[in-house]
Amino acid sequence: MALSDNMINTAAAVLETAQRSRVPAPPLTESYPGFTQGDAYAVQQVNLDRRLAQGRVVVGHKVGLTSAAMQQLLGVDQPDFGYILDDMVVPDNAVVAADQFCAPRVEPEVAFLLRAPLRGPHVTVEEVYEATESVASALEIVDSRIADWRITLPDTVADNASCGAVVLGTWVPYHHHLHLPGLGASLLINGVETDTGMGTAVMGDPAAAVAWLANALAAFSVAIEPGQFVMSGSFTSARFIHAGDTVTTDITGLGAVSLRFS
């Protein structure tokens, strides 16, 4: 049975408080037995509406759980999604306070910048590429407002798919010779390579993740609009970071993007 509106609003407030205080909350699936994925997206929407009412603007979207390893870890068979607001975008080579997050990790991804809208439910990979203006190397700072990253799929969905912030590299105009599944990403922390991965790790093709997102958003009567970007999913596992760390990812043909945590 779906949670009542009052319970949805209370659960959303728990996550909002955790984000503001930097004190993680217990899993919502423990606090609310029977908490479903539908409940979770309703909680996510409450907090999105709150931020929009405060003057924030949706500038992008993220797809999470795109790799087989992450899906297996959480016992799920599908990705999830969240929103990216204007104040969640960090400049390349910026310095960010680590303590503004609860328990941050980083992931290397390809971001897609759209020149045409994508509206599901039948968007294809080919249509994603046709609608793409540019792509860029990117870092996602994933962060869980759930204590100890003790998350199930509904927990992370409610928590905006565990999105903290994103760092975008230089936009590279997309052309059909740029074969994204064949691109390799290297993730370096303090100059040491900690992980590598290929574009094929992202649902076989990062554009497949964008197509999945457009089709999933159709159930909420939402399209990916021109000028918005999509974080398509990680090429590697997510690595914890701490104050003092410098993180860089370099993706074949797209260049590098970096961030330092103070």
C-alpha atoms as a PDB file:
ATOM      1  CA  MET A   1       0.000   0.000   0.000  1.00  0.00           C
ATOM      2  CA  ALA A   2       1.302   3.433  -0.935  1.00  0.00           C
ATOM      3  CA  LEU A   3       2.196   5.815   1.861  1.00  0.00           C
ATOM      4  CA  SER A   4      -0.205   8.610   2.705  1.00  0.00           C
ATOM      5  CA  ASP A   5       0.565  12.139   1.559  1.00  0.00           C
ATOM      6  CA  ASN A   6       1.414  13.031   5.139  1.00  0.00           C
ATOM      7  CA  MET A   7       3.944  10.199   5.361  1.00  0.00           C
ATOM      8  CA  ILE A   8       5.452  11.184   1.992  1.00  0.00           C
ATOM      9  CA  ASN A   9       5.898  14.761   3.191  1.00  0.00           C
ATOM     10  CA  THR A  10       7.390  13.611   6.490  1.00  0.00           C
ATOM     11  CA  ALA A  11       9.861  11.306   4.725  1.00  0.00           C
ATOM     12  CA  ALA A  12      10.857  14.137   2.385  1.00  0.00           C
ATOM     13  CA  ALA A  13      11.458  16.394   5.377  1.00  0.00           C
ATOM     14  CA  VAL A  14      13.721  13.753   6.938  1.00  0.00           C
ATOM     15  CA  LEU A  15      15.954  13.776   3.856  1.00  0.00           C
ATOM     16  CA  GLU A  16      15.882  17.573   3.569  1.00  0.00           C
ATOM     17  CA  THR A  17      16.973  17.888   7.183  1.00  0.00           C
ATOM     18  CA  ALA A  18      19.739  15.318   6.668  1.00  0.00           C
ATOM     19  CA  GLN A  19      21.039  17.242   3.671  1.00  0.00           C
ATOM     20  CA  ARG A  20      20.945  20.582   5.461  1.00  0.00           C
ATOM     21  CA  SER A  21      22.495  19.311   8.716  1.00  0.00           C
ATOM     22  CA  ARG A  22      24.945  16.853   7.071  1.00  0.00           C
ATOM     23  CA  VAL A  23      23.696  14.259   9.576  1.00  0.00           C
ATOM     24  CA  PRO A  24      22.503  11.158   7.690  1.00  0.00           C
ATOM     25  CA  ALA A  25      19.139   9.608   8.486  1.00  0.00           C
ATOM     26  CA  PRO A  26      18.165   5.952   8.920  1.00  0.00           C
ATOM     27  CA  PRO A  27      16.972   4.182   5.752  1.00  0.00           C
ATOM     28  CA  LEU A  28      13.413   5.158   4.868  1.00  0.00           C
ATOM     29  CA  THR A  29      12.710   1.508   4.107  1.00  0.00           C
ATOM     30  CA  GLU A  30      13.329   0.796   7.787  1.00  0.00           C
ATOM     31  CA  SER A  31      11.374   3.764   9.085  1.00  0.00           C
ATOM     32  CA  TYR A  32       8.433   3.094   6.752  1.00  0.00           C
ATOM     33  CA  PRO A  33       7.811  -0.659   6.259  1.00  0.00           C
ATOM     34  CA  GLY A  34       6.420  -1.261   2.790  1.00  0.00           C
ATOM     35  CA  PHE A  35       8.131   1.867   1.381  1.00  0.00           C
ATOM     36  CA  THR A  36       7.964   1.335  -2.388  1.00  0.00           C
ATOM     37  CA  GLN A  37       9.701   2.730  -5.443  1.00  0.00           C
ATOM     38  CA  GLY A  38       6.533   4.692  -6.210  1.00  0.00           C
ATOM     39  CA  ASP A  39       6.635   6.206  -2.721  1.00  0.00           C
ATOM     40  CA  ALA A  40      10.298   7.020  -3.271  1.00  0.00           C
ATOM     41  CA  TYR A  41       9.735   8.993  -6.464  1.00  0.00           C
ATOM     42  CA  ALA A  42       6.910  10.852  -4.689  1.00  0.00           C
ATOM     43  CA  VAL A  43       9.353  11.809  -1.913  1.00  0.00           C
ATOM     44  CA  GLN A  44      11.910  12.914  -4.514  1.00  0.00           C
ATOM     45  CA  GLN A  45       9.262  15.094  -6.177  1.00  0.00           C
ATOM     46  CA  VAL A  46       8.321  16.790  -2.890  1.00  0.00           C
ATOM     47  CA  ASN A  47      11.906  17.876  -2.322  1.00  0.00           C
ATOM     48  CA  LEU A  48      12.283  18.962  -5.948  1.00  0.00           C
ATOM     49  CA  ASP A  49       9.129  21.095  -5.693  1.00  0.00           C
ATOM     50  CA  ARG A  50      10.481  22.643  -2.489  1.00  0.00           C
ATOM     51  CA  ARG A  51      13.778  23.592  -4.150  1.00  0.00           C
ATOM     52  CA  LEU A  52      12.018  24.999  -7.219  1.00  0.00           C
ATOM     53  CA  ALA A  53       9.834  27.120  -4.946  1.00  0.00           C
ATOM     54  CA  GLN A  54      13.058  28.519  -3.458  1.00  0.00           C
ATOM     55  CA  GLY A  55      14.126  29.707  -6.915  1.00  0.00           C
ATOM     56  CA  ARG A  56      16.305  26.845  -8.077  1.00  0.00           C
ATOM     57  CA  VAL A  57      16.180  25.681 -11.726  1.00  0.00           C
ATOM     58  CA  VAL A  58      16.428  22.188 -13.196  1.00  0.00           C
ATOM     59  CA  VAL A  59      19.454  22.222 -15.518  1.00  0.00           C
ATOM     60  CA  GLY A  60      19.959  18.499 -15.931  1.00  0.00           C
ATOM     61  CA  HIS A  61      19.160  14.935 -14.964  1.00  0.00           C
ATOM     62  CA  LYS A  62      21.152  11.968 -13.736  1.00  0.00           C
ATOM     63  CA  VAL A  63      20.838   8.265 -14.379  1.00  0.00           C
ATOM     64  CA  GLY A  64      22.085   5.981 -11.621  1.00  0.00           C
ATOM     65  CA  LEU A  65      22.612   2.237 -11.207  1.00  0.00           C
ATOM     66  CA  THR A  66      23.487   1.805 -14.870  1.00  0.00           C
ATOM     67  CA  SER A  67      26.162  -0.844 -14.349  1.00  0.00           C
ATOM     68  CA  ALA A  68      25.535  -4.545 -13.788  1.00  0.00           C
ATOM     69  CA  ALA A  69      27.775  -4.484 -10.709  1.00  0.00           C
ATOM     70  CA  MET A  70      25.794  -1.725  -8.980  1.00  0.00           C
ATOM     71  CA  GLN A  71      22.462  -3.330  -9.867  1.00  0.00           C
ATOM     72  CA  GLN A  72      23.664  -6.642  -8.490  1.00  0.00           C
ATOM     73  CA  LEU A  73      24.885  -4.938  -5.321  1.00  0.00           C
ATOM     74  CA  LEU A  74      21.413  -3.526  -4.603  1.00  0.00           C
ATOM     75  CA  GLY A  75      19.515  -6.508  -5.971  1.00  0.00           C
ATOM     76  CA  VAL A  76      17.740  -4.517  -8.709  1.00  0.00           C
ATOM     77  CA  ASP A  77      17.359  -4.943 -12.452  1.00  0.00           C
ATOM     78  CA  GLN A  78      16.917  -1.342 -13.561  1.00  0.00           C
ATOM     79  CA  PRO A  79      18.525   2.092 -13.253  1.00  0.00           C
ATOM     80  CA  ASP A  80      17.044   5.042 -11.376  1.00  0.00           C
ATOM     81  CA  PHE A  81      17.073   8.785 -11.936  1.00  0.00           C
ATOM     82  CA  GLY A  82      17.294  12.124 -10.183  1.00  0.00           C
ATOM     83  CA  TYR A  83      17.401  15.835 -10.943  1.00  0.00           C
ATOM     84  CA  ILE A  84      20.289  18.315 -11.133  1.00  0.00           C
ATOM     85  CA  LEU A  85      19.670  21.913 -10.108  1.00  0.00           C
ATOM     86  CA  ASP A  86      21.664  24.992 -11.001  1.00  0.00           C
ATOM     87  CA  ASP A  87      23.343  25.156  -7.589  1.00  0.00           C
ATOM     88  CA  MET A  88      24.532  21.533  -7.912  1.00  0.00           C
ATOM     89  CA  VAL A  89      26.903  22.293 -10.822  1.00  0.00           C
ATOM     90  CA  VAL A  90      30.512  22.891  -9.795  1.00  0.00           C
ATOM     91  CA  PRO A  91      33.099  24.480 -12.163  1.00  0.00           C
ATOM     92  CA  ASP A  92      35.992  22.413 -13.471  1.00  0.00           C
ATOM     93  CA  ASN A  93      39.069  22.703 -11.222  1.00  0.00           C
ATOM     94  CA  ALA A  94      36.975  24.155  -8.408  1.00  0.00           C
ATOM     95  CA  VAL A  95      37.686  23.711  -4.712  1.00  0.00           C
ATOM     96  CA  VAL A  96      34.720  22.325  -2.770  1.00  0.00           C
ATOM     97  CA  ALA A  97      34.358  21.772   0.964  1.00  0.00           C
ATOM     98  CA  ALA A  98      34.069  18.050   1.620  1.00  0.00           C
ATOM     99  CA  ASP A  99      31.999  18.706   4.736  1.00  0.00           C
ATOM    100  CA  GLN A 100      29.138  20.105   2.680  1.00  0.00           C
ATOM    101  CA  PHE A 101      28.331  16.468   1.922  1.00  0.00           C
ATOM    102  CA  CYS A 102      27.454  13.540   4.189  1.00  0.00           C
ATOM    103  CA  ALA A 103      29.602  10.717   2.784  1.00  0.00           C
ATOM    104  CA  PRO A 104      30.742  11.698  -0.718  1.00  0.00           C
ATOM    105  CA  ARG A 105      32.031   9.451  -3.463  1.00  0.00           C
ATOM    106  CA  VAL A 106      33.052  10.271  -7.032  1.00  0.00           C
ATOM    107  CA  GLU A 107      32.264   8.668 -10.376  1.00  0.00           C
ATOM    108  CA  PRO A 108      33.531   9.391 -13.915  1.00  0.00           C
ATOM    109  CA  GLU A 109      30.774   9.846 -16.478  1.00  0.00           C
ATOM    110  CA  VAL A 110      29.917  11.233 -19.893  1.00  0.00           C
ATOM    111  CA  ALA A 111      27.456  14.131 -19.862  1.00  0.00           C
ATOM    112  CA  PHE A 112      25.130  14.728 -22.829  1.00  0.00           C
ATOM    113  CA  LEU A 113      24.007  18.271 -23.726  1.00  0.00           C
ATOM    114  CA  LEU A 114      20.791  18.280 -25.746  1.00  0.00           C
ATOM    115  CA  ARG A 115      19.918  20.544 -28.667  1.00  0.00           C
ATOM    116  CA  ALA A 116      16.468  18.956 -29.174  1.00  0.00           C
ATOM    117  CA  PRO A 117      13.920  17.596 -26.691  1.00  0.00           C
ATOM    118  CA  LEU A 118      13.651  13.925 -25.815  1.00  0.00           C
ATOM    119  CA  ARG A 119      10.178  12.825 -24.811  1.00  0.00           C
ATOM    120  CA  GLY A 120       9.348   9.178 -24.172  1.00  0.00           C
ATOM    121  CA  PRO A 121       8.038   6.555 -24.064  1.00  0.00           C
ATOM    122  CA  HIS A 122       9.674   5.208 -27.231  1.00  0.00           C
ATOM    123  CA  VAL A 123      12.978   7.088 -27.477  1.00  0.00           C
ATOM    124  CA  THR A 124      15.780   5.085 -29.118  1.00  0.00           C
ATOM    125  CA  VAL A 125      19.559   5.294 -28.856  1.00  0.00           C
ATOM    126  CA  GLU A 126      19.663   6.691 -32.386  1.00  0.00           C
ATOM    127  CA  GLU A 127      17.260   9.466 -31.410  1.00  0.00           C
ATOM    128  CA  VAL A 128      19.442  10.324 -28.412  1.00  0.00           C
ATOM    129  CA  TYR A 129      22.446  10.833 -30.650  1.00  0.00           C
ATOM    130  CA  GLU A 130      20.381  12.886 -33.094  1.00  0.00           C
ATOM    131  CA  ALA A 131      19.267  15.161 -30.249  1.00  0.00           C
ATOM    132  CA  THR A 132      22.762  15.518 -28.744  1.00  0.00           C
ATOM    133  CA  GLU A 133      24.648  18.745 -29.323  1.00  0.00           C
ATOM    134  CA  SER A 134      27.781  17.997 -27.285  1.00  0.00           C
ATOM    135  CA  VAL A 135      29.273  15.566 -24.802  1.00  0.00           C
ATOM    136  CA  ALA A 136      31.777  16.129 -22.005  1.00  0.00           C
ATOM    137  CA  SER A 137      33.894  14.354 -19.439  1.00  0.00           C
ATOM    138  CA  ALA A 138      32.224  14.773 -16.076  1.00  0.00           C
ATOM    139  CA  LEU A 139      32.522  13.848 -12.430  1.00  0.00           C
ATOM    140  CA  GLU A 140      29.512  13.131 -10.298  1.00  0.00           C
ATOM    141  CA  ILE A 141      29.805  13.590  -6.558  1.00  0.00           C
ATOM    142  CA  VAL A 142      27.404  10.967  -5.289  1.00  0.00           C
ATOM    143  CA  ASP A 143      26.312  11.421  -1.707  1.00  0.00           C
ATOM    144  CA  SER A 144      23.871   9.528   0.474  1.00  0.00           C
ATOM    145  CA  ARG A 145      21.760  11.240   3.076  1.00  0.00           C
ATOM    146  CA  ILE A 146      21.086   7.703   4.334  1.00  0.00           C
ATOM    147  CA  ALA A 147      23.397   6.604   7.151  1.00  0.00           C
ATOM    148  CA  ASP A 148      26.373   4.437   6.154  1.00  0.00           C
ATOM    149  CA  TRP A 149      25.134   4.132   2.560  1.00  0.00           C
ATOM    150  CA  ARG A 150      22.726   1.458   3.849  1.00  0.00           C
ATOM    151  CA  ILE A 151      20.459   1.866   0.849  1.00  0.00           C
ATOM    152  CA  THR A 152      17.979  -0.134  -1.146  1.00  0.00           C
ATOM    153  CA  LEU A 153      16.557   1.061  -4.467  1.00  0.00           C
ATOM    154  CA  PRO A 154      13.679   3.007  -2.850  1.00  0.00           C
ATOM    155  CA  ASP A 155      16.094   4.649  -0.402  1.00  0.00           C
ATOM    156  CA  THR A 156      18.372   6.004  -3.106  1.00  0.00           C
ATOM    157  CA  VAL A 157      15.466   7.009  -5.369  1.00  0.00           C
ATOM    158  CA  ALA A 158      13.901   9.061  -2.569  1.00  0.00           C
ATOM    159  CA  ASP A 159      17.306  10.649  -1.930  1.00  0.00           C
ATOM    160  CA  ASN A 160      17.452  12.084  -5.471  1.00  0.00           C
ATOM    161  CA  ALA A 161      19.320   9.007  -6.701  1.00  0.00           C
ATOM    162  CA  SER A 162      22.107   9.854  -4.216  1.00  0.00           C
ATOM    163  CA  CYS A 163      23.185  12.895  -6.235  1.00  0.00           C
ATOM    164  CA  GLY A 164      25.346  15.495  -4.513  1.00  0.00           C
ATOM    165  CA  ALA A 165      26.874  17.651  -7.251  1.00  0.00           C
ATOM    166  CA  VAL A 166      28.419  17.426 -10.719  1.00  0.00           C
ATOM    167  CA  VAL A 167      31.525  18.814 -12.397  1.00  0.00           C
ATOM    168  CA  LEU A 168      31.429  19.298 -16.156  1.00  0.00           C
ATOM    169  CA  GLY A 169      34.453  19.399 -18.436  1.00  0.00           C
ATOM    170  CA  THR A 170      34.672  21.159 -21.799  1.00  0.00           C
ATOM    171  CA  TRP A 171      31.777  20.411 -24.135  1.00  0.00           C
ATOM    172  CA  VAL A 172      32.895  18.573 -27.281  1.00  0.00           C
ATOM    173  CA  PRO A 173      30.541  18.759 -30.283  1.00  0.00           C
ATOM    174  CA  TYR A 174      29.108  15.309 -30.891  1.00  0.00           C
ATOM    175  CA  HIS A 175      29.726  13.611 -34.247  1.00  0.00           C
ATOM    176  CA  HIS A 176      29.062  10.036 -35.328  1.00  0.00           C
ATOM    177  CA  HIS A 177      32.784   9.199 -35.377  1.00  0.00           C
ATOM    178  CA  LEU A 178      32.847   9.614 -31.590  1.00  0.00           C
ATOM    179  CA  HIS A 179      32.047   6.054 -30.489  1.00  0.00           C
ATOM    180  CA  LEU A 180      31.056   6.476 -26.860  1.00  0.00           C
ATOM    181  CA  PRO A 181      30.875   2.766 -25.923  1.00  0.00           C
ATOM    182  CA  GLY A 182      34.540   2.454 -26.903  1.00  0.00           C
ATOM    183  CA  LEU A 183      35.757   5.379 -24.799  1.00  0.00           C
ATOM    184  CA  GLY A 184      37.875   4.631 -21.744  1.00  0.00           C
ATOM    185  CA  ALA A 185      37.817   6.543 -18.460  1.00  0.00           C
ATOM    186  CA  SER A 186      40.598   6.787 -15.914  1.00  0.00           C
ATOM    187  CA  LEU A 187      39.797   7.918 -12.374  1.00  0.00           C
ATOM    188  CA  LEU A 188      42.675   9.434 -10.406  1.00  0.00           C
ATOM    189  CA  ILE A 189      42.694  10.446  -6.762  1.00  0.00           C
ATOM    190  CA  ASN A 190      45.688  12.550  -5.719  1.00  0.00           C
ATOM    191  CA  GLY A 191      47.379  11.634  -8.985  1.00  0.00           C
ATOM    192  CA  VAL A 192      47.053   7.889  -8.458  1.00  0.00           C
ATOM    193  CA  GLU A 193      44.906   5.897 -10.860  1.00  0.00           C
ATOM    194  CA  THR A 194      42.299   4.155  -8.715  1.00  0.00           C
ATOM    195  CA  ASP A 195      39.983   2.741 -11.377  1.00  0.00           C
ATOM    196  CA  THR A 196      39.369   2.480 -15.105  1.00  0.00           C
ATOM    197  CA  GLY A 197      36.323   1.641 -17.157  1.00  0.00           C
ATOM    198  CA  MET A 198      34.797   1.658 -20.612  1.00  0.00           C
ATOM    199  CA  GLY A 199      31.666   3.250 -22.011  1.00  0.00           C
ATOM    200  CA  THR A 200      30.210  -0.213 -22.500  1.00  0.00           C
ATOM    201  CA  ALA A 201      29.854  -0.431 -18.686  1.00  0.00           C
ATOM    202  CA  VAL A 202      26.995   2.082 -18.977  1.00  0.00           C
ATOM    203  CA  MET A 203      24.187  -0.140 -20.262  1.00  0.00           C
ATOM    204  CA  GLY A 204      26.342  -1.086 -23.249  1.00  0.00           C
ATOM    205  CA  ASP A 205      26.264   2.506 -24.534  1.00  0.00           C
ATOM    206  CA  PRO A 206      25.928   5.727 -22.485  1.00  0.00           C
ATOM    207  CA  ALA A 207      23.272   6.875 -24.952  1.00  0.00           C
ATOM    208  CA  ALA A 208      21.173   3.851 -23.942  1.00  0.00           C
ATOM    209  CA  ALA A 209      21.042   5.284 -20.417  1.00  0.00           C
ATOM    210  CA  VAL A 210      19.797   8.614 -21.787  1.00  0.00           C
ATOM    211  CA  ALA A 211      17.132   6.821 -23.829  1.00  0.00           C
ATOM    212  CA  TRP A 212      16.083   4.855 -20.743  1.00  0.00           C
ATOM    213  CA  LEU A 213      15.788   8.111 -18.799  1.00  0.00           C
ATOM    214  CA  ALA A 214      13.645   9.815 -21.443  1.00  0.00           C
ATOM    215  CA  ASN A 215      11.308   6.835 -21.478  1.00  0.00           C
ATOM    216  CA  ALA A 216      11.156   6.590 -17.682  1.00  0.00           C
ATOM    217  CA  LEU A 217      10.395  10.312 -17.335  1.00  0.00           C
ATOM    218  CA  ALA A 218       7.451   9.935 -19.710  1.00  0.00           C
ATOM    219  CA  ALA A 219       5.521   8.227 -16.902  1.00  0.00           C
ATOM    220  CA  PHE A 220       5.784  11.544 -15.013  1.00  0.00           C
ATOM    221  CA  SER A 221       4.894  13.665 -18.084  1.00  0.00           C
ATOM    222  CA  VAL A 222       8.428  15.079 -18.093  1.00  0.00           C
ATOM    223  CA  ALA A 223      10.712  15.524 -21.113  1.00  0.00           C
ATOM    224  CA  ILE A 224      14.441  16.206 -21.269  1.00  0.00           C
ATOM    225  CA  GLU A 225      14.492  19.723 -22.666  1.00  0.00           C
ATOM    226  CA  PRO A 226      16.921  21.416 -25.088  1.00  0.00           C
ATOM    227  CA  GLY A 227      19.775  23.022 -23.171  1.00  0.00           C
ATOM    228  CA  GLN A 228      19.536  20.482 -20.352  1.00  0.00           C
ATOM    229  CA  PHE A 229      22.253  17.896 -19.823  1.00  0.00           C
ATOM    230  CA  VAL A 230      22.190  14.286 -18.673  1.00  0.00           C
ATOM    231  CA  MET A 231      24.749  12.521 -16.504  1.00  0.00           C
ATOM    232  CA  SER A 232      24.570   9.101 -18.104  1.00  0.00           C
ATOM    233  CA  GLY A 233      26.129   6.830 -15.471  1.00  0.00           C
ATOM    234  CA  SER A 234      29.504   5.773 -14.159  1.00  0.00           C
ATOM    235  CA  PHE A 235      32.225   4.044 -16.141  1.00  0.00           C
ATOM    236  CA  THR A 236      33.714   2.689 -12.882  1.00  0.00           C
ATOM    237  CA  SER A 237      32.855   1.984  -9.274  1.00  0.00           C
ATOM    238  CA  ALA A 238      32.261   4.947  -6.963  1.00  0.00           C
ATOM    239  CA  ARG A 239      35.229   5.937  -4.791  1.00  0.00           C
ATOM    240  CA  PHE A 240      35.025   7.640  -1.406  1.00  0.00           C
ATOM    241  CA  ILE A 241      36.809  10.977  -1.108  1.00  0.00           C
ATOM    242  CA  HIS A 242      37.939  13.094   1.839  1.00  0.00           C
ATOM    243  CA  ALA A 243      39.100  16.617   2.575  1.00  0.00           C
ATOM    244  CA  GLY A 244      42.436  17.275   0.875  1.00  0.00           C
ATOM    245  CA  ASP A 245      41.782  14.938  -2.061  1.00  0.00           C
ATOM    246  CA  THR A 246      42.119  16.003  -5.680  1.00  0.00           C
ATOM    247  CA  VAL A 247      40.045  13.968  -8.133  1.00  0.00           C
ATOM    248  CA  THR A 248      40.515  13.851 -11.899  1.00  0.00           C
ATOM    249  CA  THR A 249      38.915  11.824 -14.640  1.00  0.00           C
ATOM    250  CA  ASP A 250      40.238  11.642 -18.175  1.00  0.00           C
ATOM    251  CA  ILE A 251      37.997  10.153 -20.858  1.00  0.00           C
ATOM    252  CA  THR A 252      39.391   9.201 -24.252  1.00  0.00           C
ATOM    253  CA  GLY A 253      38.768  11.941 -26.792  1.00  0.00           C
ATOM    254  CA  LEU A 254      36.889  14.159 -24.341  1.00  0.00           C
ATOM    255  CA  GLY A 255      39.670  15.377 -22.079  1.00  0.00           C
ATOM    256  CA  ALA A 256      39.995  15.719 -18.331  1.00  0.00           C
ATOM    257  CA  VAL A 257      37.936  17.268 -15.564  1.00  0.00           C
ATOM    258  CA  SER A 258      39.109  17.840 -11.981  1.00  0.00           C
ATOM    259  CA  LEU A 259      37.937  18.820  -8.539  1.00  0.00           C
ATOM    260  CA  ARG A 260      39.698  19.445  -5.217  1.00  0.00           C
ATOM    261  CA  PHE A 261      38.104  18.873  -1.826  1.00  0.00           C
ATOM    262  CA  SER A 262      39.059  21.133   1.068  1.00  0.00           C
END
